[in-house]
Amino acid sequence: QVQLVESGGGLVQAGGSLRLSCTASGRTLSGYAVGWFRQGPGQERAFVAAITWNGGFTSYAESVKGRFIISTDYAKNILYLQMNSLKPEDTAVYYCASGVIGPAQKRQTTSAYDSWGQGTQVTVSS
């Protein structure tokens, strides 16, 4: 099973930017989809963005479209989430996840992923 470790979270003012990283180890991610989810206080874990490792097909939650960019570094086995124009409602613990590529719609659900990182806190102040 792949191990995933997130980094890059922190405290930022509204309108600022952060880049999260997720380093994968243990196996290749070829043939897998990788994604970012977030969980705010008292909320369920919610989809943010996903990308297929080989084809680079991306999908985003409506709330982050045009502000967040998901990308990969194949050589380093790293997944990124560039977050721009951050808002206080983006405050959450952000998790990366990986799972076998399935139907595109399912990639926005937690059930599509079987490996998860420990999460990194992102706090956006107003």
C-alpha atoms as a PDB file:
ATOM      1  CA  GLN A   1       0.000   0.000   0.000  1.00  0.00           C
ATOM      2  CA  VAL A   2       1.189   3.493  -0.723  1.00  0.00           C
ATOM      3  CA  GLN A   3       2.164   5.849   2.088  1.00  0.00           C
ATOM      4  CA  LEU A   4       1.171   9.485   1.713  1.00  0.00           C
ATOM      5  CA  VAL A   5       2.586  12.419   3.674  1.00  0.00           C
ATOM      6  CA  GLU A   6       1.192  15.937   3.327  1.00  0.00           C
ATOM      7  CA  SER A   7       3.057  19.160   4.022  1.00  0.00           C
ATOM      8  CA  GLY A   8       2.767  22.864   3.334  1.00  0.00           C
ATOM      9  CA  GLY A   9      -0.175  23.827   5.490  1.00  0.00           C
ATOM     10  CA  GLY A  10      -0.158  26.888   7.703  1.00  0.00           C
ATOM     11  CA  LEU A  11      -1.770  30.183   8.562  1.00  0.00           C
ATOM     12  CA  VAL A  12      -2.429  32.690   5.780  1.00  0.00           C
ATOM     13  CA  GLN A  13      -4.502  35.825   5.387  1.00  0.00           C
ATOM     14  CA  ALA A  14      -7.532  35.914   3.149  1.00  0.00           C
ATOM     15  CA  GLY A  15      -6.483  36.497  -0.444  1.00  0.00           C
ATOM     16  CA  GLY A  16      -3.162  34.778   0.073  1.00  0.00           C
ATOM     17  CA  SER A  17      -1.741  31.574  -1.367  1.00  0.00           C
ATOM     18  CA  LEU A  18      -0.370  28.262  -0.142  1.00  0.00           C
ATOM     19  CA  ARG A  19       0.978  25.208  -1.901  1.00  0.00           C
ATOM     20  CA  LEU A  20       0.360  21.825  -0.351  1.00  0.00           C
ATOM     21  CA  SER A  21       2.528  18.832  -1.177  1.00  0.00           C
ATOM     22  CA  CYS A  22       1.808  15.132  -0.831  1.00  0.00           C
ATOM     23  CA  THR A  23       4.776  12.783  -1.119  1.00  0.00           C
ATOM     24  CA  ALA A  24       3.998   9.195  -2.032  1.00  0.00           C
ATOM     25  CA  SER A  25       6.150   6.175  -1.263  1.00  0.00           C
ATOM     26  CA  GLY A  26       5.811   2.408  -1.249  1.00  0.00           C
ATOM     27  CA  ARG A  27       4.625   1.877  -4.816  1.00  0.00           C
ATOM     28  CA  THR A  28       4.173   3.642  -8.093  1.00  0.00           C
ATOM     29  CA  LEU A  29       0.996   5.638  -8.590  1.00  0.00           C
ATOM     30  CA  SER A  30       0.751   4.622 -12.227  1.00  0.00           C
ATOM     31  CA  GLY A  31      -2.843   3.621 -12.882  1.00  0.00           C
ATOM     32  CA  TYR A  32      -4.111   5.449  -9.839  1.00  0.00           C
ATOM     33  CA  ALA A  33      -6.081   8.571  -9.208  1.00  0.00           C
ATOM     34  CA  VAL A  34      -4.916  10.946  -6.508  1.00  0.00           C
ATOM     35  CA  GLY A  35      -6.955  13.613  -4.855  1.00  0.00           C
ATOM     36  CA  TRP A  36      -7.272  16.241  -2.168  1.00  0.00           C
ATOM     37  CA  PHE A  37     -10.070  16.345   0.365  1.00  0.00           C
ATOM     38  CA  ARG A  38     -10.663  18.679   3.285  1.00  0.00           C
ATOM     39  CA  GLN A  39     -12.468  18.529   6.579  1.00  0.00           C
ATOM     40  CA  GLY A  40     -13.492  21.618   8.491  1.00  0.00           C
ATOM     41  CA  PRO A  41     -14.491  21.660  12.171  1.00  0.00           C
ATOM     42  CA  GLY A  42     -17.695  19.702  12.666  1.00  0.00           C
ATOM     43  CA  GLN A  43     -17.926  18.921   8.965  1.00  0.00           C
ATOM     44  CA  GLU A  44     -17.622  15.797   6.871  1.00  0.00           C
ATOM     45  CA  ARG A  45     -14.609  15.225   4.678  1.00  0.00           C
ATOM     46  CA  ALA A  46     -15.268  16.911   1.334  1.00  0.00           C
ATOM     47  CA  PHE A  47     -13.788  16.605  -2.127  1.00  0.00           C
ATOM     48  CA  VAL A  48     -11.471  19.369  -3.330  1.00  0.00           C
ATOM     49  CA  ALA A  49      -9.669  18.151  -6.451  1.00  0.00           C
ATOM     50  CA  ALA A  50      -8.445  15.003  -8.158  1.00  0.00           C
ATOM     51  CA  ILE A  51      -6.117  14.013 -10.981  1.00  0.00           C
ATOM     52  CA  THR A  52      -5.325  10.763 -12.724  1.00  0.00           C
ATOM     53  CA  TRP A  53      -1.635  10.030 -12.337  1.00  0.00           C
ATOM     54  CA  ASN A  54      -1.041   8.933 -15.931  1.00  0.00           C
ATOM     55  CA  GLY A  55      -3.482  10.952 -17.985  1.00  0.00           C
ATOM     56  CA  GLY A  56      -3.556  14.105 -15.938  1.00  0.00           C
ATOM     57  CA  PHE A  57      -7.340  14.375 -16.096  1.00  0.00           C
ATOM     58  CA  THR A  58      -8.424  16.817 -13.418  1.00  0.00           C
ATOM     59  CA  SER A  59     -11.635  17.606 -11.583  1.00  0.00           C
ATOM     60  CA  TYR A  60     -12.429  20.247  -8.996  1.00  0.00           C
ATOM     61  CA  ALA A  61     -15.118  21.059  -6.496  1.00  0.00           C
ATOM     62  CA  GLU A  62     -17.163  24.046  -7.623  1.00  0.00           C
ATOM     63  CA  SER A  63     -16.077  26.000  -4.556  1.00  0.00           C
ATOM     64  CA  VAL A  64     -12.403  25.947  -5.591  1.00  0.00           C
ATOM     65  CA  LYS A  65     -12.595  26.105  -9.405  1.00  0.00           C
ATOM     66  CA  GLY A  66     -10.469  28.911 -10.760  1.00  0.00           C
ATOM     67  CA  ARG A  67      -8.596  29.281  -7.466  1.00  0.00           C
ATOM     68  CA  PHE A  68      -6.933  25.894  -6.816  1.00  0.00           C
ATOM     69  CA  ILE A  69      -4.721  23.895  -9.156  1.00  0.00           C
ATOM     70  CA  ILE A  70      -3.869  20.214  -8.720  1.00  0.00           C
ATOM     71  CA  SER A  71      -0.698  18.894 -10.334  1.00  0.00           C
ATOM     72  CA  THR A  72       1.848  16.123 -10.111  1.00  0.00           C
ATOM     73  CA  ASP A  73       5.602  15.647 -10.338  1.00  0.00           C
ATOM     74  CA  TYR A  74       5.976  12.161 -11.766  1.00  0.00           C
ATOM     75  CA  ALA A  75       9.715  11.981 -11.225  1.00  0.00           C
ATOM     76  CA  LYS A  76       9.459  12.820  -7.526  1.00  0.00           C
ATOM     77  CA  ASN A  77       6.137  11.031  -6.881  1.00  0.00           C
ATOM     78  CA  ILE A  78       4.650  14.207  -5.432  1.00  0.00           C
ATOM     79  CA  LEU A  79       1.135  15.590  -5.665  1.00  0.00           C
ATOM     80  CA  TYR A  80       0.584  19.331  -5.288  1.00  0.00           C
ATOM     81  CA  LEU A  81      -2.334  21.605  -4.565  1.00  0.00           C
ATOM     82  CA  GLN A  82      -1.723  25.258  -5.363  1.00  0.00           C
ATOM     83  CA  MET A  83      -4.290  27.307  -3.490  1.00  0.00           C
ATOM     84  CA  ASN A  84      -4.782  30.934  -4.503  1.00  0.00           C
ATOM     85  CA  SER A  85      -7.214  33.643  -3.425  1.00  0.00           C
ATOM     86  CA  LEU A  86      -7.800  31.805  -0.184  1.00  0.00           C
ATOM     87  CA  LYS A  87     -10.953  32.498   1.810  1.00  0.00           C
ATOM     88  CA  PRO A  88     -11.732  31.909   5.493  1.00  0.00           C
ATOM     89  CA  GLU A  89     -14.118  29.129   4.435  1.00  0.00           C
ATOM     90  CA  ASP A  90     -11.131  27.238   3.009  1.00  0.00           C
ATOM     91  CA  THR A  91      -9.958  26.653   6.573  1.00  0.00           C
ATOM     92  CA  ALA A  92      -9.750  22.895   7.126  1.00  0.00           C
ATOM     93  CA  VAL A  93      -7.467  19.922   7.492  1.00  0.00           C
ATOM     94  CA  TYR A  94      -6.419  18.914   3.991  1.00  0.00           C
ATOM     95  CA  TYR A  95      -5.841  15.266   3.146  1.00  0.00           C
ATOM     96  CA  CYS A  96      -4.367  13.633   0.086  1.00  0.00           C
ATOM     97  CA  ALA A  97      -5.554  10.225  -1.028  1.00  0.00           C
ATOM     98  CA  SER A  98      -4.935   7.640  -3.722  1.00  0.00           C
ATOM     99  CA  GLY A  99      -7.052   4.920  -5.269  1.00  0.00           C
ATOM    100  CA  VAL A 100      -7.395   2.808  -8.380  1.00  0.00           C
ATOM    101  CA  ILE A 101      -8.748   4.855 -11.272  1.00  0.00           C
ATOM    102  CA  GLY A 102     -12.498   4.399 -11.614  1.00  0.00           C
ATOM    103  CA  PRO A 103     -15.428   6.344 -13.069  1.00  0.00           C
ATOM    104  CA  ALA A 104     -14.825  10.068 -13.093  1.00  0.00           C
ATOM    105  CA  GLN A 105     -17.852  10.809 -10.919  1.00  0.00           C
ATOM    106  CA  LYS A 106     -16.696   8.447  -8.224  1.00  0.00           C
ATOM    107  CA  ARG A 107     -13.337  10.230  -7.877  1.00  0.00           C
ATOM    108  CA  GLN A 108     -15.158  12.951  -5.966  1.00  0.00           C
ATOM    109  CA  THR A 109     -16.137  10.524  -3.213  1.00  0.00           C
ATOM    110  CA  THR A 110     -14.015   9.268  -0.339  1.00  0.00           C
ATOM    111  CA  SER A 111     -14.955   5.674  -1.155  1.00  0.00           C
ATOM    112  CA  ALA A 112     -12.861   5.806  -4.340  1.00  0.00           C
ATOM    113  CA  TYR A 113      -9.644   6.059  -2.313  1.00  0.00           C
ATOM    114  CA  ASP A 114      -7.978   3.458  -0.135  1.00  0.00           C
ATOM    115  CA  SER A 115      -4.829   5.255   1.009  1.00  0.00           C
ATOM    116  CA  TRP A 116      -4.855   8.504   2.975  1.00  0.00           C
ATOM    117  CA  GLY A 117      -2.319  10.856   4.453  1.00  0.00           C
ATOM    118  CA  GLN A 118      -2.427  12.199   7.978  1.00  0.00           C
ATOM    119  CA  GLY A 119      -3.589  15.651   6.927  1.00  0.00           C
ATOM    120  CA  THR A 120      -2.193  19.163   7.116  1.00  0.00           C
ATOM    121  CA  GLN A 121      -3.957  22.140   8.692  1.00  0.00           C
ATOM    122  CA  VAL A 122      -4.768  25.184   6.590  1.00  0.00           C
ATOM    123  CA  THR A 123      -6.101  28.236   8.415  1.00  0.00           C
ATOM    124  CA  VAL A 124      -7.207  31.345   6.542  1.00  0.00           C
ATOM    125  CA  SER A 125      -7.723  34.466   8.621  1.00  0.00           C
ATOM    126  CA  SER A 126     -10.086  37.248   7.606  1.00  0.00           C
END
